[in-house]
Every structure is written in C-alpha cells, then in structure tokens.
Amino acid sequence: MTFTVLGRDPLRGRIGAATASRSLAVGASVLAVAPAVGVVASQAWTNRSLRALLLDEMRAGSDAAAAVARVPDWDDGSRLRQVAVLGWAGDGAARSGADITAWAGHRVGPDAVFVGNLLVGGEVLEAMAETWTATAGIDLADRLLETLAAGDGAGGDARGRQSAALLVASRTDTLLDLRVDDHTDPVPELARLRRLAGQDAEAPARARW
C-alpha cells in the first residue's frame, strides 16, 4: 500500500524519510522522527504505536536491527506489519511481516532503508535504491524526493496514487515536515511544496510559521 525511503546525510547532520501511498494522509500514519535518535516507518496494516516503541527502543540503546527484532514482542499482529528504522550510526533495518500484501519487501543500503508493500513489483525498490546511490551529495530533502519519485515512476503502489510526505531533521529539531494528504499526483505536489519551503531547511520548520 506504501513505498518509503529512510535516509541520512552524516556529513551535514541530517536524517529523514519520504513516503507515498494510495491511502489518505500517509504522512500522518507512517513516518516518525526523534531528532536525537533517528527516523522510523510503520506501514502495511499499519500499527501507529510501533513508531514510538521503535524510537524508544533505540533511545534506550538498541541499534536498528535490535529494535526491529522487538516488533513481534510488542504486536500480536506483527505478521501484517512492515517497519523500517534508521539511526544516526550503523546500518538501518527493516522487517516485512509474512502476511502483508504482495508485492512486498525491503532493502537496506548505505545510509538508507527502502520498504514497500502492495507494489507493482520489486522494480519499485530497485529504482529507489539506484536513485539514492546516483544522487549522493545533494541536499537530503531533495535526495529523498528524487528517490521517492523514482519509485513512483517505476509504478509505485499497485492501486494508484493519493498521498505523500517528507520529513527531515537535524540532531536537535525537525526541519521539514511536509504532507500531501489527498492529490491525484502527490509526489510532484510534494516536490512543489519542498520548493515553496525553499533552501532554508537549516532553521527549524516552526521558525517560519
């Protein structure tokens, strides 16, 4: 139902995620960040509470893989869940439950995690991973958006398009939190909102309210 990239830029001290779905308001349900800890996603038959549990586990000292391994302990419906975790250091991690809707899967790459379910096929995540690699060095928000657009261009959610979201943080604050809740072409619309936000993501988003 959803495809997502978690990514970080250690050089500039940025971490974030982008997601898109044929569901209403994906940004309200899937992504969460704790600036000092990392970024997470919970999707498929989404259990929103897993986001806080994963972040709390990492805050307590677990790495991404150890946090993801706790999901079956917390959730009797874990076979229906797909989660991804990326902290400030070490590899990211993901888990795709055995009963989530095909095509579903995940990939972990350098400074990134790619996850998706109910996709047109594995080519969606392949396109995202390739674009992430090809866009090394650009601003993280733009890199996340280009990676998301690659997944969208490869077919994305098998049901179609409806919503998208972008989240970027520093180690101390959330810098961008942009959401397209209901749109016929949400990924380009999200990119338009990013352009409106401008290049001043060095300042916390609330400073521009």
N, C-alpha and C. Protein backbone atom coordinates (compact mmCIF):
# COMPACT_ATOMS: atom_id res chain seq x y z
N MET A 1 0.82 -1.21 0.00
CA MET A 1 0.00 0.00 0.00
C MET A 1 0.85 1.26 0.00
N THR A 2 2.15 1.08 0.28
CA THR A 2 3.00 2.24 0.55
C THR A 2 4.44 1.93 0.18
N PHE A 3 5.17 2.93 -0.31
CA PHE A 3 6.61 2.78 -0.51
C PHE A 3 7.32 3.95 0.16
N THR A 4 8.45 3.63 0.81
CA THR A 4 9.09 4.58 1.72
C THR A 4 10.60 4.46 1.62
N VAL A 5 11.28 5.59 1.75
CA VAL A 5 12.73 5.61 1.89
C VAL A 5 13.08 6.34 3.19
N LEU A 6 13.95 5.75 3.99
CA LEU A 6 14.58 6.43 5.12
C LEU A 6 16.02 6.70 4.71
N GLY A 7 16.52 7.90 4.99
CA GLY A 7 17.88 8.22 4.58
C GLY A 7 18.54 9.18 5.53
N ARG A 8 19.87 9.20 5.50
CA ARG A 8 20.61 10.15 6.34
C ARG A 8 21.79 10.71 5.57
N ASP A 9 22.22 11.88 6.02
CA ASP A 9 23.39 12.56 5.48
C ASP A 9 24.32 12.84 6.67
N PRO A 10 25.24 11.93 6.97
CA PRO A 10 26.11 12.12 8.13
C PRO A 10 26.98 13.37 8.04
N LEU A 11 27.38 13.73 6.82
CA LEU A 11 28.25 14.88 6.64
C LEU A 11 27.57 16.18 7.09
N ARG A 12 26.32 16.35 6.68
CA ARG A 12 25.59 17.57 7.02
C ARG A 12 24.77 17.43 8.29
N GLY A 13 24.72 16.23 8.86
CA GLY A 13 23.94 16.03 10.07
C GLY A 13 22.45 16.10 9.85
N ARG A 14 21.96 15.36 8.86
CA ARG A 14 20.53 15.34 8.54
C ARG A 14 20.04 13.89 8.45
N ILE A 15 18.80 13.69 8.84
CA ILE A 15 18.17 12.38 8.73
C ILE A 15 16.71 12.60 8.36
N GLY A 16 16.11 11.67 7.62
CA GLY A 16 14.73 11.90 7.23
C GLY A 16 14.12 10.74 6.48
N ALA A 17 12.96 10.99 5.89
CA ALA A 17 12.22 9.95 5.18
C ALA A 17 11.24 10.58 4.21
N ALA A 18 10.86 9.82 3.21
CA ALA A 18 9.80 10.21 2.29
C ALA A 18 8.95 8.98 1.99
N THR A 19 7.66 9.19 1.82
CA THR A 19 6.74 8.07 1.64
C THR A 19 5.60 8.48 0.72
N ALA A 20 5.01 7.50 0.02
CA ALA A 20 3.87 7.74 -0.84
C ALA A 20 2.96 6.52 -0.82
N SER A 21 1.66 6.75 -1.08
CA SER A 21 0.69 5.67 -0.96
C SER A 21 -0.61 6.00 -1.69
N ARG A 22 -1.38 4.96 -1.99
CA ARG A 22 -2.77 5.12 -2.45
C ARG A 22 -3.69 5.04 -1.23
N SER A 23 -3.29 5.68 -0.17
CA SER A 23 -4.12 5.81 1.04
C SER A 23 -4.15 7.28 1.41
N LEU A 24 -5.18 7.69 2.10
CA LEU A 24 -5.33 9.06 2.53
C LEU A 24 -4.31 9.40 3.62
N ALA A 25 -3.64 10.54 3.50
CA ALA A 25 -2.82 11.12 4.56
C ALA A 25 -1.76 10.15 5.08
N VAL A 26 -0.95 9.63 4.19
CA VAL A 26 0.08 8.67 4.59
C VAL A 26 1.05 9.27 5.59
N GLY A 27 1.30 10.57 5.49
CA GLY A 27 2.25 11.20 6.40
C GLY A 27 1.82 11.19 7.84
N ALA A 28 0.53 11.11 8.10
CA ALA A 28 0.04 11.09 9.47
C ALA A 28 0.18 9.74 10.12
N SER A 29 0.35 8.69 9.32
CA SER A 29 0.31 7.33 9.85
C SER A 29 1.63 6.58 9.80
N VAL A 30 2.51 6.92 8.87
CA VAL A 30 3.65 6.05 8.58
C VAL A 30 4.95 6.52 9.21
N LEU A 31 5.28 7.79 9.07
CA LEU A 31 6.61 8.28 9.46
C LEU A 31 6.63 8.88 10.86
N ALA A 32 7.79 8.78 11.51
CA ALA A 32 8.02 9.48 12.78
C ALA A 32 9.51 9.67 12.95
N VAL A 33 9.90 10.78 13.59
CA VAL A 33 11.30 11.07 13.85
C VAL A 33 11.46 11.54 15.28
N ALA A 34 12.55 11.15 15.89
CA ALA A 34 13.02 11.72 17.14
C ALA A 34 14.40 12.28 16.81
N PRO A 35 14.55 13.59 16.71
CA PRO A 35 15.77 14.16 16.15
C PRO A 35 17.07 13.63 16.74
N ALA A 36 17.13 13.39 18.02
CA ALA A 36 18.38 12.90 18.63
C ALA A 36 18.58 11.40 18.44
N VAL A 37 17.55 10.70 17.94
CA VAL A 37 17.57 9.24 17.91
C VAL A 37 17.60 8.68 16.49
N GLY A 38 16.64 9.07 15.66
CA GLY A 38 16.57 8.54 14.31
C GLY A 38 15.17 8.68 13.74
N VAL A 39 14.91 7.96 12.66
CA VAL A 39 13.65 8.02 11.95
C VAL A 39 13.12 6.61 11.74
N VAL A 40 11.78 6.46 11.76
CA VAL A 40 11.16 5.15 11.62
C VAL A 40 9.94 5.24 10.71
N ALA A 41 9.52 4.09 10.21
CA ALA A 41 8.28 3.97 9.45
C ALA A 41 7.55 2.72 9.90
N SER A 42 6.23 2.81 9.97
CA SER A 42 5.37 1.66 10.23
C SER A 42 4.26 1.67 9.18
N GLN A 43 4.15 0.60 8.39
CA GLN A 43 3.21 0.60 7.28
C GLN A 43 2.62 -0.79 7.04
N ALA A 44 2.03 -1.01 5.88
CA ALA A 44 1.20 -2.18 5.56
C ALA A 44 -0.09 -2.05 6.37
N TRP A 45 -0.49 -3.08 7.13
CA TRP A 45 -1.64 -2.95 8.01
C TRP A 45 -1.13 -2.19 9.24
N THR A 46 -1.08 -0.87 9.10
CA THR A 46 -0.26 -0.02 9.97
C THR A 46 -0.69 -0.06 11.43
N ASN A 47 0.30 -0.28 12.29
CA ASN A 47 0.14 -0.10 13.72
C ASN A 47 0.94 1.14 14.10
N ARG A 48 0.27 2.26 14.29
CA ARG A 48 0.96 3.52 14.52
C ARG A 48 1.80 3.50 15.80
N SER A 49 1.36 2.75 16.79
CA SER A 49 2.08 2.73 18.07
C SER A 49 3.49 2.17 17.94
N LEU A 50 3.75 1.38 16.89
CA LEU A 50 5.07 0.81 16.72
C LEU A 50 6.13 1.89 16.52
N ARG A 51 5.74 3.02 15.97
CA ARG A 51 6.72 4.08 15.72
C ARG A 51 7.35 4.56 17.03
N ALA A 52 6.53 4.85 18.02
CA ALA A 52 7.06 5.31 19.31
C ALA A 52 7.85 4.21 20.01
N LEU A 53 7.37 2.97 19.90
CA LEU A 53 8.07 1.86 20.54
C LEU A 53 9.46 1.66 19.93
N LEU A 54 9.56 1.76 18.63
CA LEU A 54 10.85 1.61 17.96
C LEU A 54 11.81 2.73 18.35
N LEU A 55 11.32 3.96 18.37
CA LEU A 55 12.17 5.08 18.75
C LEU A 55 12.60 4.98 20.21
N ASP A 56 11.68 4.56 21.07
CA ASP A 56 12.03 4.40 22.49
C ASP A 56 13.09 3.31 22.68
N GLU A 57 12.98 2.24 21.90
CA GLU A 57 13.95 1.15 22.00
C GLU A 57 15.35 1.64 21.58
N MET A 58 15.40 2.44 20.54
CA MET A 58 16.69 2.99 20.12
C MET A 58 17.20 4.01 21.13
N ARG A 59 16.30 4.80 21.69
CA ARG A 59 16.70 5.77 22.71
C ARG A 59 17.31 5.08 23.91
N ALA A 60 16.85 3.87 24.19
CA ALA A 60 17.37 3.10 25.32
C ALA A 60 18.70 2.42 25.01
N GLY A 61 19.16 2.51 23.75
CA GLY A 61 20.48 1.98 23.42
C GLY A 61 20.54 0.89 22.39
N SER A 62 19.39 0.39 21.93
CA SER A 62 19.38 -0.67 20.92
C SER A 62 19.74 -0.10 19.55
N ASP A 63 20.39 -0.91 18.72
CA ASP A 63 20.61 -0.50 17.34
C ASP A 63 19.35 -0.79 16.53
N ALA A 64 19.38 -0.42 15.25
CA ALA A 64 18.18 -0.55 14.42
C ALA A 64 17.71 -2.00 14.33
N ALA A 65 18.63 -2.94 14.12
CA ALA A 65 18.24 -4.35 13.98
C ALA A 65 17.61 -4.88 15.25
N ALA A 66 18.17 -4.52 16.40
CA ALA A 66 17.63 -4.99 17.67
C ALA A 66 16.25 -4.40 17.92
N ALA A 67 16.05 -3.14 17.54
CA ALA A 67 14.74 -2.53 17.71
C ALA A 67 13.69 -3.23 16.84
N VAL A 68 14.03 -3.48 15.57
CA VAL A 68 13.10 -4.16 14.67
C VAL A 68 12.77 -5.56 15.18
N ALA A 69 13.74 -6.24 15.76
CA ALA A 69 13.52 -7.60 16.26
C ALA A 69 12.52 -7.65 17.39
N ARG A 70 12.25 -6.52 18.04
CA ARG A 70 11.29 -6.49 19.14
C ARG A 70 9.84 -6.44 18.68
N VAL A 71 9.59 -6.16 17.41
CA VAL A 71 8.22 -5.97 16.94
C VAL A 71 7.30 -7.14 17.29
N PRO A 72 7.67 -8.40 17.08
CA PRO A 72 6.77 -9.49 17.46
C PRO A 72 6.47 -9.54 18.96
N ASP A 73 7.38 -9.03 19.79
CA ASP A 73 7.12 -8.98 21.23
C ASP A 73 6.04 -7.97 21.58
N TRP A 74 5.96 -6.92 20.81
CA TRP A 74 5.03 -5.83 21.09
C TRP A 74 3.68 -6.01 20.43
N ASP A 75 3.61 -6.77 19.35
CA ASP A 75 2.44 -6.72 18.47
C ASP A 75 2.04 -8.13 18.03
N ASP A 76 0.87 -8.58 18.47
CA ASP A 76 0.36 -9.90 18.06
C ASP A 76 0.07 -9.96 16.56
N GLY A 77 -0.11 -8.81 15.94
CA GLY A 77 -0.38 -8.77 14.50
C GLY A 77 0.85 -8.46 13.68
N SER A 78 2.01 -8.79 14.20
CA SER A 78 3.26 -8.41 13.54
C SER A 78 3.42 -9.01 12.14
N ARG A 79 2.73 -10.12 11.86
CA ARG A 79 2.82 -10.71 10.52
C ARG A 79 2.19 -9.81 9.46
N LEU A 80 1.39 -8.83 9.89
CA LEU A 80 0.74 -7.90 8.98
C LEU A 80 1.46 -6.55 8.90
N ARG A 81 2.56 -6.40 9.62
CA ARG A 81 3.24 -5.11 9.71
C ARG A 81 4.52 -5.09 8.88
N GLN A 82 4.84 -3.90 8.43
CA GLN A 82 6.13 -3.65 7.80
C GLN A 82 6.73 -2.42 8.49
N VAL A 83 7.95 -2.56 8.98
CA VAL A 83 8.59 -1.45 9.69
C VAL A 83 9.99 -1.24 9.15
N ALA A 84 10.49 -0.02 9.34
CA ALA A 84 11.86 0.32 8.96
C ALA A 84 12.41 1.30 9.99
N VAL A 85 13.71 1.20 10.24
CA VAL A 85 14.37 2.01 11.26
C VAL A 85 15.73 2.45 10.75
N LEU A 86 16.07 3.72 11.00
CA LEU A 86 17.39 4.22 10.67
C LEU A 86 17.83 5.19 11.77
N GLY A 87 18.96 4.89 12.40
CA GLY A 87 19.52 5.78 13.40
C GLY A 87 20.65 6.62 12.82
N TRP A 88 21.31 7.35 13.70
CA TRP A 88 22.39 8.24 13.27
C TRP A 88 23.68 7.49 12.96
N ALA A 89 23.81 6.27 13.45
CA ALA A 89 25.01 5.47 13.22
C ALA A 89 24.62 4.02 12.95
N GLY A 90 25.48 3.29 12.26
CA GLY A 90 25.22 1.88 11.99
C GLY A 90 24.23 1.67 10.87
N ASP A 91 24.04 0.41 10.52
CA ASP A 91 23.10 0.06 9.45
C ASP A 91 21.67 0.29 9.88
N GLY A 92 20.82 0.61 8.92
CA GLY A 92 19.39 0.61 9.15
C GLY A 92 18.87 -0.82 9.16
N ALA A 93 17.57 -0.97 9.42
CA ALA A 93 16.97 -2.30 9.45
C ALA A 93 15.51 -2.20 9.06
N ALA A 94 14.95 -3.32 8.62
CA ALA A 94 13.54 -3.37 8.25
C ALA A 94 13.00 -4.77 8.49
N ARG A 95 11.70 -4.86 8.58
CA ARG A 95 11.01 -6.14 8.74
C ARG A 95 9.72 -6.11 7.94
N SER A 96 9.51 -7.12 7.12
CA SER A 96 8.28 -7.25 6.33
C SER A 96 7.56 -8.51 6.81
N GLY A 97 6.42 -8.33 7.45
CA GLY A 97 5.68 -9.45 8.00
C GLY A 97 5.24 -10.44 6.93
N ALA A 98 5.11 -11.70 7.32
CA ALA A 98 4.83 -12.77 6.36
C ALA A 98 3.48 -12.65 5.69
N ASP A 99 2.53 -11.91 6.30
CA ASP A 99 1.18 -11.85 5.76
C ASP A 99 0.82 -10.52 5.12
N ILE A 100 1.80 -9.63 4.89
CA ILE A 100 1.48 -8.38 4.22
C ILE A 100 1.28 -8.64 2.73
N THR A 101 0.61 -7.70 2.07
CA THR A 101 0.15 -7.92 0.70
C THR A 101 1.28 -7.77 -0.31
N ALA A 102 1.39 -8.74 -1.20
CA ALA A 102 2.42 -8.70 -2.25
C ALA A 102 2.05 -7.64 -3.31
N TRP A 103 3.07 -7.15 -4.06
CA TRP A 103 4.47 -7.40 -3.84
C TRP A 103 4.95 -6.58 -2.65
N ALA A 104 5.74 -7.23 -1.80
CA ALA A 104 6.25 -6.53 -0.62
C ALA A 104 7.68 -6.95 -0.37
N GLY A 105 8.46 -6.02 0.20
CA GLY A 105 9.82 -6.35 0.55
C GLY A 105 10.56 -5.14 1.06
N HIS A 106 11.84 -5.31 1.33
CA HIS A 106 12.66 -4.21 1.82
C HIS A 106 14.11 -4.41 1.39
N ARG A 107 14.83 -3.30 1.38
CA ARG A 107 16.26 -3.31 1.07
C ARG A 107 16.96 -2.35 2.01
N VAL A 108 18.17 -2.70 2.40
CA VAL A 108 18.98 -1.83 3.25
C VAL A 108 20.26 -1.50 2.48
N GLY A 109 20.56 -0.20 2.37
CA GLY A 109 21.76 0.22 1.67
C GLY A 109 22.56 1.18 2.53
N PRO A 110 23.64 1.71 2.00
CA PRO A 110 24.44 2.67 2.75
C PRO A 110 23.63 3.91 3.12
N ASP A 111 23.45 4.13 4.41
CA ASP A 111 22.73 5.30 4.93
C ASP A 111 21.27 5.35 4.49
N ALA A 112 20.66 4.22 4.17
CA ALA A 112 19.29 4.24 3.69
C ALA A 112 18.59 2.90 3.90
N VAL A 113 17.26 2.96 3.96
CA VAL A 113 16.40 1.77 4.01
C VAL A 113 15.24 2.03 3.05
N PHE A 114 14.87 1.02 2.27
CA PHE A 114 13.77 1.12 1.31
C PHE A 114 12.76 0.02 1.63
N VAL A 115 11.50 0.39 1.77
CA VAL A 115 10.47 -0.60 2.10
C VAL A 115 9.21 -0.32 1.29
N GLY A 116 8.48 -1.38 0.95
CA GLY A 116 7.23 -1.18 0.24
C GLY A 116 6.35 -2.41 0.28
N ASN A 117 5.06 -2.19 0.13
CA ASN A 117 4.10 -3.30 0.09
C ASN A 117 2.96 -2.93 -0.84
N LEU A 118 2.30 -3.93 -1.39
CA LEU A 118 1.27 -3.79 -2.42
C LEU A 118 1.80 -2.95 -3.58
N LEU A 119 3.03 -3.24 -3.97
CA LEU A 119 3.66 -2.53 -5.08
C LEU A 119 3.45 -3.29 -6.38
N VAL A 120 3.74 -2.62 -7.50
CA VAL A 120 3.62 -3.30 -8.78
C VAL A 120 4.67 -4.38 -8.93
N GLY A 121 5.78 -4.26 -8.18
CA GLY A 121 6.83 -5.28 -8.22
C GLY A 121 8.09 -4.79 -7.56
N GLY A 122 9.08 -5.67 -7.52
CA GLY A 122 10.34 -5.33 -6.89
C GLY A 122 11.10 -4.22 -7.58
N GLU A 123 10.72 -3.92 -8.83
CA GLU A 123 11.41 -2.85 -9.55
C GLU A 123 11.24 -1.49 -8.88
N VAL A 124 10.19 -1.35 -8.07
CA VAL A 124 9.98 -0.07 -7.37
C VAL A 124 11.14 0.20 -6.41
N LEU A 125 11.44 -0.77 -5.57
CA LEU A 125 12.53 -0.58 -4.62
C LEU A 125 13.88 -0.55 -5.33
N GLU A 126 14.03 -1.31 -6.40
CA GLU A 126 15.28 -1.27 -7.17
C GLU A 126 15.53 0.12 -7.72
N ALA A 127 14.49 0.74 -8.28
CA ALA A 127 14.64 2.09 -8.83
C ALA A 127 14.97 3.09 -7.73
N MET A 128 14.36 2.92 -6.58
CA MET A 128 14.65 3.82 -5.47
C MET A 128 16.09 3.68 -5.00
N ALA A 129 16.56 2.46 -4.85
CA ALA A 129 17.93 2.23 -4.39
C ALA A 129 18.93 2.78 -5.39
N GLU A 130 18.68 2.59 -6.68
CA GLU A 130 19.58 3.10 -7.71
C GLU A 130 19.64 4.62 -7.69
N THR A 131 18.49 5.26 -7.51
CA THR A 131 18.45 6.72 -7.49
C THR A 131 19.12 7.27 -6.25
N TRP A 132 18.92 6.61 -5.12
CA TRP A 132 19.60 7.03 -3.90
C TRP A 132 21.11 7.04 -4.11
N THR A 133 21.64 6.01 -4.71
CA THR A 133 23.07 5.94 -4.97
C THR A 133 23.51 7.02 -5.95
N ALA A 134 22.73 7.25 -6.98
CA ALA A 134 23.10 8.20 -8.03
C ALA A 134 23.04 9.65 -7.57
N THR A 135 22.31 9.93 -6.50
CA THR A 135 22.12 11.32 -6.06
C THR A 135 22.95 11.66 -4.83
N ALA A 136 23.95 10.87 -4.54
CA ALA A 136 24.82 11.15 -3.38
C ALA A 136 25.40 12.55 -3.48
N GLY A 137 25.38 13.27 -2.36
CA GLY A 137 25.97 14.59 -2.30
C GLY A 137 25.01 15.75 -2.38
N ILE A 138 23.77 15.50 -2.85
CA ILE A 138 22.81 16.61 -2.91
C ILE A 138 22.09 16.74 -1.57
N ASP A 139 21.39 17.85 -1.41
CA ASP A 139 20.61 18.10 -0.19
C ASP A 139 19.71 16.90 0.14
N LEU A 140 19.64 16.52 1.41
CA LEU A 140 18.93 15.31 1.78
C LEU A 140 17.46 15.37 1.40
N ALA A 141 16.79 16.50 1.62
CA ALA A 141 15.38 16.59 1.26
C ALA A 141 15.18 16.31 -0.22
N ASP A 142 16.02 16.90 -1.05
CA ASP A 142 15.90 16.68 -2.49
C ASP A 142 16.27 15.25 -2.87
N ARG A 143 17.24 14.69 -2.18
CA ARG A 143 17.63 13.30 -2.46
C ARG A 143 16.49 12.34 -2.12
N LEU A 144 15.85 12.57 -1.00
CA LEU A 144 14.70 11.74 -0.62
C LEU A 144 13.58 11.88 -1.63
N LEU A 145 13.32 13.10 -2.08
CA LEU A 145 12.25 13.32 -3.06
C LEU A 145 12.57 12.66 -4.40
N GLU A 146 13.82 12.75 -4.85
CA GLU A 146 14.19 12.11 -6.11
C GLU A 146 14.07 10.59 -6.00
N THR A 147 14.44 10.06 -4.85
CA THR A 147 14.33 8.63 -4.63
C THR A 147 12.87 8.19 -4.63
N LEU A 148 12.02 8.97 -3.97
CA LEU A 148 10.58 8.67 -3.97
C LEU A 148 10.00 8.77 -5.37
N ALA A 149 10.41 9.79 -6.11
CA ALA A 149 9.91 9.95 -7.48
C ALA A 149 10.33 8.78 -8.37
N ALA A 150 11.52 8.23 -8.12
CA ALA A 150 11.95 7.06 -8.89
C ALA A 150 11.04 5.87 -8.63
N GLY A 151 10.67 5.67 -7.38
CA GLY A 151 9.73 4.60 -7.06
C GLY A 151 8.37 4.82 -7.70
N ASP A 152 7.93 6.07 -7.68
CA ASP A 152 6.66 6.42 -8.30
C ASP A 152 6.72 6.17 -9.80
N GLY A 153 7.83 6.55 -10.42
CA GLY A 153 7.99 6.35 -11.85
C GLY A 153 8.06 4.89 -12.26
N ALA A 154 8.51 4.05 -11.31
CA ALA A 154 8.59 2.60 -11.59
C ALA A 154 7.27 1.89 -11.35
N GLY A 155 6.25 2.62 -10.96
CA GLY A 155 4.92 2.03 -10.78
C GLY A 155 4.33 2.22 -9.41
N GLY A 156 5.19 2.30 -8.38
CA GLY A 156 4.74 2.60 -7.02
C GLY A 156 3.67 1.64 -6.52
N ASP A 157 2.72 2.19 -5.78
CA ASP A 157 1.60 1.45 -5.22
C ASP A 157 0.75 0.88 -6.36
N ALA A 158 0.46 -0.40 -6.31
CA ALA A 158 -0.29 -1.05 -7.39
C ALA A 158 -1.71 -0.51 -7.53
N ARG A 159 -2.23 0.13 -6.48
CA ARG A 159 -3.60 0.64 -6.52
C ARG A 159 -3.70 2.02 -7.13
N GLY A 160 -2.56 2.74 -7.21
CA GLY A 160 -2.58 4.10 -7.73
C GLY A 160 -1.92 5.08 -6.78
N ARG A 161 -2.36 6.34 -6.80
CA ARG A 161 -1.70 7.41 -6.06
C ARG A 161 -2.72 8.21 -5.26
N GLN A 162 -2.32 8.71 -4.08
CA GLN A 162 -3.21 9.59 -3.33
C GLN A 162 -2.46 10.56 -2.41
N SER A 163 -1.44 10.09 -1.70
CA SER A 163 -0.80 10.97 -0.72
C SER A 163 0.71 10.72 -0.66
N ALA A 164 1.43 11.68 -0.09
CA ALA A 164 2.88 11.57 0.05
C ALA A 164 3.32 12.48 1.19
N ALA A 165 4.54 12.23 1.70
CA ALA A 165 5.04 13.04 2.81
C ALA A 165 6.56 13.04 2.83
N LEU A 166 7.13 14.10 3.40
CA LEU A 166 8.57 14.28 3.52
C LEU A 166 8.89 14.78 4.92
N LEU A 167 9.89 14.17 5.55
CA LEU A 167 10.28 14.52 6.91
C LEU A 167 11.81 14.60 6.96
N VAL A 168 12.36 15.71 7.46
CA VAL A 168 13.81 15.87 7.60
C VAL A 168 14.11 16.51 8.95
N ALA A 169 15.14 16.00 9.63
CA ALA A 169 15.52 16.53 10.94
C ALA A 169 17.03 16.65 11.05
N SER A 170 17.45 17.54 11.94
CA SER A 170 18.82 17.58 12.39
C SER A 170 18.89 16.76 13.68
N ARG A 171 20.02 16.80 14.36
CA ARG A 171 20.12 16.08 15.63
C ARG A 171 19.34 16.76 16.75
N THR A 172 18.86 17.97 16.51
CA THR A 172 18.18 18.71 17.58
C THR A 172 16.75 19.11 17.27
N ASP A 173 16.34 19.08 16.00
CA ASP A 173 15.00 19.57 15.69
C ASP A 173 14.51 19.05 14.34
N THR A 174 13.20 19.07 14.16
CA THR A 174 12.60 18.76 12.87
C THR A 174 12.71 19.98 11.97
N LEU A 175 13.24 19.80 10.77
CA LEU A 175 13.48 20.89 9.85
C LEU A 175 12.42 21.01 8.78
N LEU A 176 11.93 19.88 8.28
CA LEU A 176 10.86 19.87 7.29
C LEU A 176 9.85 18.78 7.65
N ASP A 177 8.58 19.12 7.58
CA ASP A 177 7.50 18.15 7.77
C ASP A 177 6.40 18.53 6.80
N LEU A 178 6.48 18.01 5.58
CA LEU A 178 5.57 18.37 4.50
C LEU A 178 4.69 17.19 4.13
N ARG A 179 3.41 17.47 3.90
CA ARG A 179 2.47 16.39 3.62
C ARG A 179 1.49 16.78 2.52
N VAL A 180 1.25 15.86 1.62
CA VAL A 180 0.18 15.97 0.64
C VAL A 180 -0.81 14.87 0.98
N ASP A 181 -1.96 15.24 1.51
CA ASP A 181 -2.88 14.24 2.06
C ASP A 181 -3.82 13.62 1.04
N ASP A 182 -4.17 14.37 -0.02
CA ASP A 182 -5.13 13.84 -1.00
C ASP A 182 -4.94 14.58 -2.32
N HIS A 183 -4.33 13.90 -3.29
CA HIS A 183 -3.99 14.56 -4.55
C HIS A 183 -3.90 13.50 -5.64
N THR A 184 -4.23 13.89 -6.86
CA THR A 184 -4.17 12.93 -7.97
C THR A 184 -2.73 12.59 -8.36
N ASP A 185 -1.77 13.46 -8.03
CA ASP A 185 -0.36 13.22 -8.36
C ASP A 185 0.49 13.73 -7.20
N PRO A 186 0.49 13.01 -6.07
CA PRO A 186 1.03 13.56 -4.83
C PRO A 186 2.54 13.75 -4.79
N VAL A 187 3.30 12.94 -5.49
CA VAL A 187 4.76 13.06 -5.40
C VAL A 187 5.25 14.37 -6.04
N PRO A 188 4.83 14.72 -7.27
CA PRO A 188 5.19 16.04 -7.79
C PRO A 188 4.66 17.18 -6.94
N GLU A 189 3.49 17.02 -6.37
CA GLU A 189 2.95 18.06 -5.49
C GLU A 189 3.81 18.23 -4.25
N LEU A 190 4.30 17.13 -3.71
CA LEU A 190 5.20 17.20 -2.57
C LEU A 190 6.49 17.94 -2.95
N ALA A 191 7.00 17.68 -4.13
CA ALA A 191 8.18 18.39 -4.60
C ALA A 191 7.91 19.89 -4.74
N ARG A 192 6.71 20.24 -5.16
CA ARG A 192 6.34 21.67 -5.25
C ARG A 192 6.34 22.31 -3.87
N LEU A 193 5.80 21.61 -2.88
CA LEU A 193 5.82 22.14 -1.51
C LEU A 193 7.24 22.30 -1.01
N ARG A 194 8.10 21.36 -1.37
CA ARG A 194 9.51 21.46 -0.99
C ARG A 194 10.13 22.73 -1.58
N ARG A 195 9.81 23.02 -2.83
CA ARG A 195 10.34 24.23 -3.45
C ARG A 195 9.80 25.48 -2.75
N LEU A 196 8.55 25.46 -2.34
CA LEU A 196 7.99 26.58 -1.59
C LEU A 196 8.69 26.77 -0.26
N ALA A 197 9.04 25.66 0.37
CA ALA A 197 9.75 25.74 1.65
C ALA A 197 11.13 26.36 1.47
N GLY A 198 11.68 26.26 0.27
CA GLY A 198 12.94 26.90 -0.05
C GLY A 198 14.13 26.12 0.43
N GLN A 199 15.26 26.76 0.39
CA GLN A 199 16.52 26.12 0.75
C GLN A 199 16.93 26.40 2.19
N ASP A 200 16.04 26.97 2.99
CA ASP A 200 16.40 27.39 4.34
C ASP A 200 16.04 26.35 5.37
N ALA A 201 16.24 25.06 5.05
CA ALA A 201 15.94 24.00 5.99
C ALA A 201 16.96 23.90 7.12
N GLU A 202 17.94 24.84 7.15
CA GLU A 202 18.85 24.89 8.28
C GLU A 202 18.11 25.35 9.53
N ALA A 203 17.04 26.09 9.35
CA ALA A 203 16.27 26.58 10.50
C ALA A 203 15.11 25.65 10.79
N PRO A 204 14.70 25.48 12.04
CA PRO A 204 13.56 24.64 12.36
C PRO A 204 12.31 25.12 11.63
N ALA A 205 11.48 24.14 11.23
CA ALA A 205 10.27 24.48 10.48
C ALA A 205 9.40 25.47 11.23
N ARG A 206 9.30 25.36 12.54
CA ARG A 206 8.41 26.23 13.29
C ARG A 206 8.83 27.69 13.22
N ALA A 207 10.14 27.93 12.93
CA ALA A 207 10.63 29.29 12.88
C ALA A 207 10.03 30.06 11.70
N ARG A 208 9.44 29.35 10.74
CA ARG A 208 8.86 30.00 9.57
C ARG A 208 7.36 30.10 9.67
N TRP A 209 6.78 29.68 10.77
CA TRP A 209 5.32 29.72 10.88
C TRP A 209 4.86 31.17 11.11
